[in-house]
Amino acid sequence: MAELRADERPGTLADCKRVIRHKLRKREEQEEIGLNIYPMMDMMTILLVFMIMQFASGAAEIVQTDELRLPTSTSQVEAAQALGVVISNSEVVVEGQRVIALRNGKVDPSLKQGGGTGWLITPLFNGLKQHRDRLKMIASRNPQRPFRGEVRVIADKRTPFRTLGEVIYTLGQAEFGALRFIVLKQGETAK
């Protein structure tokens, strides 16, 4: 059998380990750069649960005052999320913004199209058009939220029928035709 030269002889285990350590030392360790998203996912889960709990409650929270007394009903239908219109004895409010002032629950004839005999309340119509356009824009970008023209009407039980009719007519002209009237359940008091 032929004799192997020193450079052709098989290396020992120690030689093998030395070569491996030498190669590993030459190579730079690469730091892993990235974003740990697990804490953010935990936070989003908590926020999602919180939001579901907030919107899951079906009762509308309305504070009664001397200007706003709600009628009572025995209906069991829960309040849905929709555009909020509040008619008190002194004002009409849309989504928290005062739109018109009322005098003893009545609309000033100068604010109506056609004067005292008119039904369309011009400032209310203009405010509702802005909300309608915003909701339609959302619906065009998000098919899961179509525009349905839903409104929650919260009216003082002493509101004159004429004023209520004028507000409902104006809502209809602004394409808000799905009305829900918010009332107190029989035997309950408002918060």
C-alpha atoms as a PDB file:
ATOM      1  CA  MET A   1       0.000   0.000   0.000  1.00  0.00           C
ATOM      2  CA  ALA A   2       1.267   3.489  -0.814  1.00  0.00           C
ATOM      3  CA  GLU A   3       2.222   5.891   1.906  1.00  0.00           C
ATOM      4  CA  LEU A   4       0.071   9.076   2.127  1.00  0.00           C
ATOM      5  CA  ARG A   5       1.773  12.420   2.303  1.00  0.00           C
ATOM      6  CA  ALA A   6       1.104  14.671   5.339  1.00  0.00           C
ATOM      7  CA  ASP A   7      -1.277  16.960   3.454  1.00  0.00           C
ATOM      8  CA  GLU A   8      -3.247  13.980   2.119  1.00  0.00           C
ATOM      9  CA  ARG A   9      -3.640  12.186   5.453  1.00  0.00           C
ATOM     10  CA  PRO A  10      -7.072  12.189   6.997  1.00  0.00           C
ATOM     11  CA  GLY A  11      -7.289  14.814   9.760  1.00  0.00           C
ATOM     12  CA  THR A  12      -8.081  14.108  13.354  1.00  0.00           C
ATOM     13  CA  LEU A  13     -11.256  15.243  15.067  1.00  0.00           C
ATOM     14  CA  ALA A  14      -9.334  18.080  16.735  1.00  0.00           C
ATOM     15  CA  ASP A  15      -8.103  19.282  13.302  1.00  0.00           C
ATOM     16  CA  CYS A  16     -11.644  19.234  11.984  1.00  0.00           C
ATOM     17  CA  LYS A  17     -12.976  21.274  14.920  1.00  0.00           C
ATOM     18  CA  ARG A  18     -10.119  23.792  14.570  1.00  0.00           C
ATOM     19  CA  VAL A  19     -10.948  24.351  10.880  1.00  0.00           C
ATOM     20  CA  ILE A  20     -14.650  24.793  11.657  1.00  0.00           C
ATOM     21  CA  ARG A  21     -13.953  27.311  14.458  1.00  0.00           C
ATOM     22  CA  HIS A  22     -11.607  29.219  12.160  1.00  0.00           C
ATOM     23  CA  LYS A  23     -14.251  29.410   9.386  1.00  0.00           C
ATOM     24  CA  LEU A  24     -16.940  30.508  11.837  1.00  0.00           C
ATOM     25  CA  ARG A  25     -14.731  33.292  13.251  1.00  0.00           C
ATOM     26  CA  LYS A  26     -14.107  34.684   9.774  1.00  0.00           C
ATOM     27  CA  ARG A  27     -17.804  34.960   9.006  1.00  0.00           C
ATOM     28  CA  GLU A  28     -19.558  38.010  10.502  1.00  0.00           C
ATOM     29  CA  GLU A  29     -22.593  37.355  12.563  1.00  0.00           C
ATOM     30  CA  GLN A  30     -25.610  38.936  10.947  1.00  0.00           C
ATOM     31  CA  GLU A  31     -27.981  40.668  13.267  1.00  0.00           C
ATOM     32  CA  GLU A  32     -31.600  39.913  12.672  1.00  0.00           C
ATOM     33  CA  ILE A  33     -33.364  43.171  11.951  1.00  0.00           C
ATOM     34  CA  GLY A  34     -37.120  43.061  12.161  1.00  0.00           C
ATOM     35  CA  LEU A  35     -40.215  44.125  14.001  1.00  0.00           C
ATOM     36  CA  ASN A  36     -41.736  41.940  16.667  1.00  0.00           C
ATOM     37  CA  ILE A  37     -45.455  42.216  15.911  1.00  0.00           C
ATOM     38  CA  TYR A  38     -46.714  39.865  18.615  1.00  0.00           C
ATOM     39  CA  PRO A  39     -47.153  42.575  21.288  1.00  0.00           C
ATOM     40  CA  MET A  40     -48.952  44.742  18.727  1.00  0.00           C
ATOM     41  CA  MET A  41     -51.264  41.850  17.831  1.00  0.00           C
ATOM     42  CA  ASP A  42     -52.061  41.402  21.541  1.00  0.00           C
ATOM     43  CA  MET A  43     -52.865  45.097  21.833  1.00  0.00           C
ATOM     44  CA  MET A  44     -55.093  45.014  18.722  1.00  0.00           C
ATOM     45  CA  THR A  45     -56.956  41.977  20.070  1.00  0.00           C
ATOM     46  CA  ILE A  46     -57.663  43.807  23.314  1.00  0.00           C
ATOM     47  CA  LEU A  47     -58.846  46.892  21.406  1.00  0.00           C
ATOM     48  CA  LEU A  48     -61.050  44.765  19.158  1.00  0.00           C
ATOM     49  CA  VAL A  49     -62.721  43.108  22.150  1.00  0.00           C
ATOM     50  CA  PHE A  50     -63.222  46.526  23.759  1.00  0.00           C
ATOM     51  CA  MET A  51     -64.796  47.962  20.583  1.00  0.00           C
ATOM     52  CA  ILE A  52     -67.112  44.968  20.186  1.00  0.00           C
ATOM     53  CA  MET A  53     -68.251  45.360  23.789  1.00  0.00           C
ATOM     54  CA  GLN A  54     -68.883  49.086  23.257  1.00  0.00           C
ATOM     55  CA  PHE A  55     -70.953  48.652  20.095  1.00  0.00           C
ATOM     56  CA  ALA A  56     -72.703  45.469  21.202  1.00  0.00           C
ATOM     57  CA  SER A  57     -74.911  47.281  23.683  1.00  0.00           C
ATOM     58  CA  GLY A  58     -78.222  47.885  22.019  1.00  0.00           C
ATOM     59  CA  ALA A  59     -79.608  50.556  24.300  1.00  0.00           C
ATOM     60  CA  ALA A  60     -79.084  54.171  23.390  1.00  0.00           C
ATOM     61  CA  GLU A  61     -77.767  56.267  26.237  1.00  0.00           C
ATOM     62  CA  ILE A  62     -79.777  59.473  26.383  1.00  0.00           C
ATOM     63  CA  VAL A  63     -79.824  61.983  29.183  1.00  0.00           C
ATOM     64  CA  GLN A  64     -83.250  63.456  29.784  1.00  0.00           C
ATOM     65  CA  THR A  65     -83.466  67.120  30.680  1.00  0.00           C
ATOM     66  CA  ASP A  66     -86.263  69.630  31.034  1.00  0.00           C
ATOM     67  CA  GLU A  67     -85.890  70.226  27.281  1.00  0.00           C
ATOM     68  CA  LEU A  68     -85.980  66.521  26.326  1.00  0.00           C
ATOM     69  CA  ARG A  69     -88.473  64.016  27.772  1.00  0.00           C
ATOM     70  CA  LEU A  70     -88.799  60.711  25.930  1.00  0.00           C
ATOM     71  CA  PRO A  71     -92.091  58.906  25.409  1.00  0.00           C
ATOM     72  CA  THR A  72     -92.446  55.311  26.668  1.00  0.00           C
ATOM     73  CA  SER A  73     -93.180  52.126  24.738  1.00  0.00           C
ATOM     74  CA  THR A  74     -93.579  48.391  25.266  1.00  0.00           C
ATOM     75  CA  SER A  75     -91.588  47.559  22.114  1.00  0.00           C
ATOM     76  CA  GLN A  76     -88.685  45.126  22.510  1.00  0.00           C
ATOM     77  CA  VAL A  77     -86.745  46.238  19.406  1.00  0.00           C
ATOM     78  CA  GLU A  78     -83.222  47.443  20.239  1.00  0.00           C
ATOM     79  CA  ALA A  79     -81.723  50.700  18.950  1.00  0.00           C
ATOM     80  CA  ALA A  80     -79.428  50.319  15.929  1.00  0.00           C
ATOM     81  CA  GLN A  81     -76.420  52.364  14.872  1.00  0.00           C
ATOM     82  CA  ALA A  82     -77.613  55.154  12.572  1.00  0.00           C
ATOM     83  CA  LEU A  83     -77.473  58.904  12.072  1.00  0.00           C
ATOM     84  CA  GLY A  84     -78.735  60.550  15.270  1.00  0.00           C
ATOM     85  CA  VAL A  85     -81.296  63.355  15.129  1.00  0.00           C
ATOM     86  CA  VAL A  86     -82.444  64.861  18.437  1.00  0.00           C
ATOM     87  CA  ILE A  87     -85.525  67.091  18.591  1.00  0.00           C
ATOM     88  CA  SER A  88     -85.818  68.864  21.930  1.00  0.00           C
ATOM     89  CA  ASN A  89     -88.114  71.679  22.943  1.00  0.00           C
ATOM     90  CA  SER A  90     -85.476  74.273  21.995  1.00  0.00           C
ATOM     91  CA  GLU A  91     -83.351  72.826  19.155  1.00  0.00           C
ATOM     92  CA  VAL A  92     -82.732  70.172  16.501  1.00  0.00           C
ATOM     93  CA  VAL A  93     -79.352  68.458  16.770  1.00  0.00           C
ATOM     94  CA  VAL A  94     -77.798  66.166  14.140  1.00  0.00           C
ATOM     95  CA  GLU A  95     -74.897  63.963  15.303  1.00  0.00           C
ATOM     96  CA  GLY A  96     -74.182  66.263  18.238  1.00  0.00           C
ATOM     97  CA  GLN A  97     -74.214  69.481  16.158  1.00  0.00           C
ATOM     98  CA  ARG A  98     -76.971  72.045  16.710  1.00  0.00           C
ATOM     99  CA  VAL A  99     -78.619  72.675  13.337  1.00  0.00           C
ATOM    100  CA  ILE A 100     -81.581  74.912  14.171  1.00  0.00           C
ATOM    101  CA  ALA A 101     -83.119  76.571  17.190  1.00  0.00           C
ATOM    102  CA  LEU A 102     -86.797  76.034  17.997  1.00  0.00           C
ATOM    103  CA  ARG A 103     -89.229  78.363  19.763  1.00  0.00           C
ATOM    104  CA  ASN A 104     -91.471  76.356  22.070  1.00  0.00           C
ATOM    105  CA  GLY A 105     -90.855  73.324  19.880  1.00  0.00           C
ATOM    106  CA  LYS A 106     -91.741  75.111  16.620  1.00  0.00           C
ATOM    107  CA  VAL A 107     -89.560  75.935  13.609  1.00  0.00           C
ATOM    108  CA  ASP A 108     -89.182  79.603  12.660  1.00  0.00           C
ATOM    109  CA  PRO A 109     -91.058  80.098   9.328  1.00  0.00           C
ATOM    110  CA  SER A 110     -88.043  81.968   7.876  1.00  0.00           C
ATOM    111  CA  LEU A 111     -86.034  78.711   8.054  1.00  0.00           C
ATOM    112  CA  LYS A 112     -88.527  76.781   5.925  1.00  0.00           C
ATOM    113  CA  GLN A 113     -88.790  76.648   2.167  1.00  0.00           C
ATOM    114  CA  GLY A 114     -92.122  78.270   1.391  1.00  0.00           C
ATOM    115  CA  GLY A 115     -92.387  80.136   4.697  1.00  0.00           C
ATOM    116  CA  GLY A 116     -94.976  79.243   7.350  1.00  0.00           C
ATOM    117  CA  THR A 117     -96.784  76.717   5.138  1.00  0.00           C
ATOM    118  CA  GLY A 118     -93.601  74.979   3.985  1.00  0.00           C
ATOM    119  CA  TRP A 119     -92.416  71.581   5.182  1.00  0.00           C
ATOM    120  CA  LEU A 120     -88.738  71.555   4.154  1.00  0.00           C
ATOM    121  CA  ILE A 121     -86.432  72.999   6.841  1.00  0.00           C
ATOM    122  CA  THR A 122     -83.578  74.448   4.770  1.00  0.00           C
ATOM    123  CA  PRO A 123     -80.699  74.473   7.341  1.00  0.00           C
ATOM    124  CA  LEU A 124     -81.588  70.938   8.450  1.00  0.00           C
ATOM    125  CA  PHE A 125     -81.711  69.766   4.820  1.00  0.00           C
ATOM    126  CA  ASN A 126     -78.265  71.265   4.112  1.00  0.00           C
ATOM    127  CA  GLY A 127     -76.763  69.588   7.196  1.00  0.00           C
ATOM    128  CA  LEU A 128     -78.334  66.241   6.304  1.00  0.00           C
ATOM    129  CA  LYS A 129     -76.982  66.467   2.731  1.00  0.00           C
ATOM    130  CA  GLN A 130     -73.448  66.686   4.123  1.00  0.00           C
ATOM    131  CA  HIS A 131     -73.995  63.577   6.254  1.00  0.00           C
ATOM    132  CA  ARG A 132     -75.632  61.770   3.320  1.00  0.00           C
ATOM    133  CA  ASP A 133     -72.716  62.562   1.002  1.00  0.00           C
ATOM    134  CA  ARG A 134     -70.203  61.404   3.647  1.00  0.00           C
ATOM    135  CA  LEU A 135     -72.085  58.137   4.230  1.00  0.00           C
ATOM    136  CA  LYS A 136     -72.435  57.508   0.481  1.00  0.00           C
ATOM    137  CA  MET A 137     -68.694  58.074   0.018  1.00  0.00           C
ATOM    138  CA  ILE A 138     -67.993  55.518   2.747  1.00  0.00           C
ATOM    139  CA  ALA A 139     -70.426  53.107   1.090  1.00  0.00           C
ATOM    140  CA  SER A 140     -68.711  53.516  -2.293  1.00  0.00           C
ATOM    141  CA  ARG A 141     -65.351  52.589  -0.758  1.00  0.00           C
ATOM    142  CA  ASN A 142     -66.629  49.851   1.551  1.00  0.00           C
ATOM    143  CA  PRO A 143     -69.313  47.535   0.118  1.00  0.00           C
ATOM    144  CA  GLN A 144     -69.877  46.010   3.592  1.00  0.00           C
ATOM    145  CA  ARG A 145     -71.322  49.351   4.756  1.00  0.00           C
ATOM    146  CA  PRO A 146     -73.966  50.306   2.181  1.00  0.00           C
ATOM    147  CA  PHE A 147     -75.906  53.535   2.534  1.00  0.00           C
ATOM    148  CA  ARG A 148     -79.349  52.653   3.853  1.00  0.00           C
ATOM    149  CA  GLY A 149     -80.595  56.083   4.910  1.00  0.00           C
ATOM    150  CA  GLU A 150     -81.072  54.971   8.523  1.00  0.00           C
ATOM    151  CA  VAL A 151     -81.832  57.572  11.176  1.00  0.00           C
ATOM    152  CA  ARG A 152     -82.436  57.367  14.936  1.00  0.00           C
ATOM    153  CA  VAL A 153     -84.955  60.060  15.839  1.00  0.00           C
ATOM    154  CA  ILE A 154     -84.905  61.052  19.488  1.00  0.00           C
ATOM    155  CA  ALA A 155     -87.811  63.434  20.032  1.00  0.00           C
ATOM    156  CA  ASP A 156     -89.205  65.121  23.099  1.00  0.00           C
ATOM    157  CA  LYS A 157     -92.639  63.701  23.884  1.00  0.00           C
ATOM    158  CA  ARG A 158     -94.021  67.266  23.894  1.00  0.00           C
ATOM    159  CA  THR A 159     -92.787  67.989  20.330  1.00  0.00           C
ATOM    160  CA  PRO A 160     -95.638  69.402  18.224  1.00  0.00           C
ATOM    161  CA  PHE A 161     -96.797  67.065  15.473  1.00  0.00           C
ATOM    162  CA  ARG A 162     -96.177  69.749  12.838  1.00  0.00           C
ATOM    163  CA  THR A 163     -92.489  70.067  13.883  1.00  0.00           C
ATOM    164  CA  LEU A 164     -92.054  66.295  13.889  1.00  0.00           C
ATOM    165  CA  GLY A 165     -93.685  66.124  10.442  1.00  0.00           C
ATOM    166  CA  GLU A 166     -91.406  68.857   9.089  1.00  0.00           C
ATOM    167  CA  VAL A 167     -88.287  67.093  10.381  1.00  0.00           C
ATOM    168  CA  ILE A 168     -89.442  63.743   8.951  1.00  0.00           C
ATOM    169  CA  TYR A 169     -90.250  65.370   5.592  1.00  0.00           C
ATOM    170  CA  THR A 170     -86.802  67.015   5.514  1.00  0.00           C
ATOM    171  CA  LEU A 171     -85.164  63.681   6.384  1.00  0.00           C
ATOM    172  CA  GLY A 172     -86.992  62.037   3.487  1.00  0.00           C
ATOM    173  CA  GLN A 173     -85.935  64.758   1.048  1.00  0.00           C
ATOM    174  CA  ALA A 174     -82.298  64.186   2.096  1.00  0.00           C
ATOM    175  CA  GLU A 175     -82.695  60.420   1.332  1.00  0.00           C
ATOM    176  CA  PHE A 176     -82.941  59.327   4.979  1.00  0.00           C
ATOM    177  CA  GLY A 177     -86.091  57.230   4.891  1.00  0.00           C
ATOM    178  CA  ALA A 178     -85.390  54.390   7.348  1.00  0.00           C
ATOM    179  CA  LEU A 179     -86.489  55.988  10.616  1.00  0.00           C
ATOM    180  CA  ARG A 180     -86.274  54.520  14.107  1.00  0.00           C
ATOM    181  CA  PHE A 181     -87.809  56.436  16.975  1.00  0.00           C
ATOM    182  CA  ILE A 182     -85.987  56.068  20.273  1.00  0.00           C
ATOM    183  CA  VAL A 183     -88.284  55.699  23.286  1.00  0.00           C
ATOM    184  CA  LEU A 184     -88.040  54.494  26.872  1.00  0.00           C
ATOM    185  CA  LYS A 185     -89.118  50.947  27.606  1.00  0.00           C
ATOM    186  CA  GLN A 186     -92.220  50.835  29.782  1.00  0.00           C
ATOM    187  CA  GLY A 187     -91.158  50.999  33.434  1.00  0.00           C
ATOM    188  CA  GLU A 188     -87.561  52.222  32.814  1.00  0.00           C
ATOM    189  CA  THR A 189     -86.048  55.602  33.463  1.00  0.00           C
ATOM    190  CA  ALA A 190     -83.429  57.295  31.309  1.00  0.00           C
ATOM    191  CA  LYS A 191     -79.845  57.537  32.529  1.00  0.00           C
END
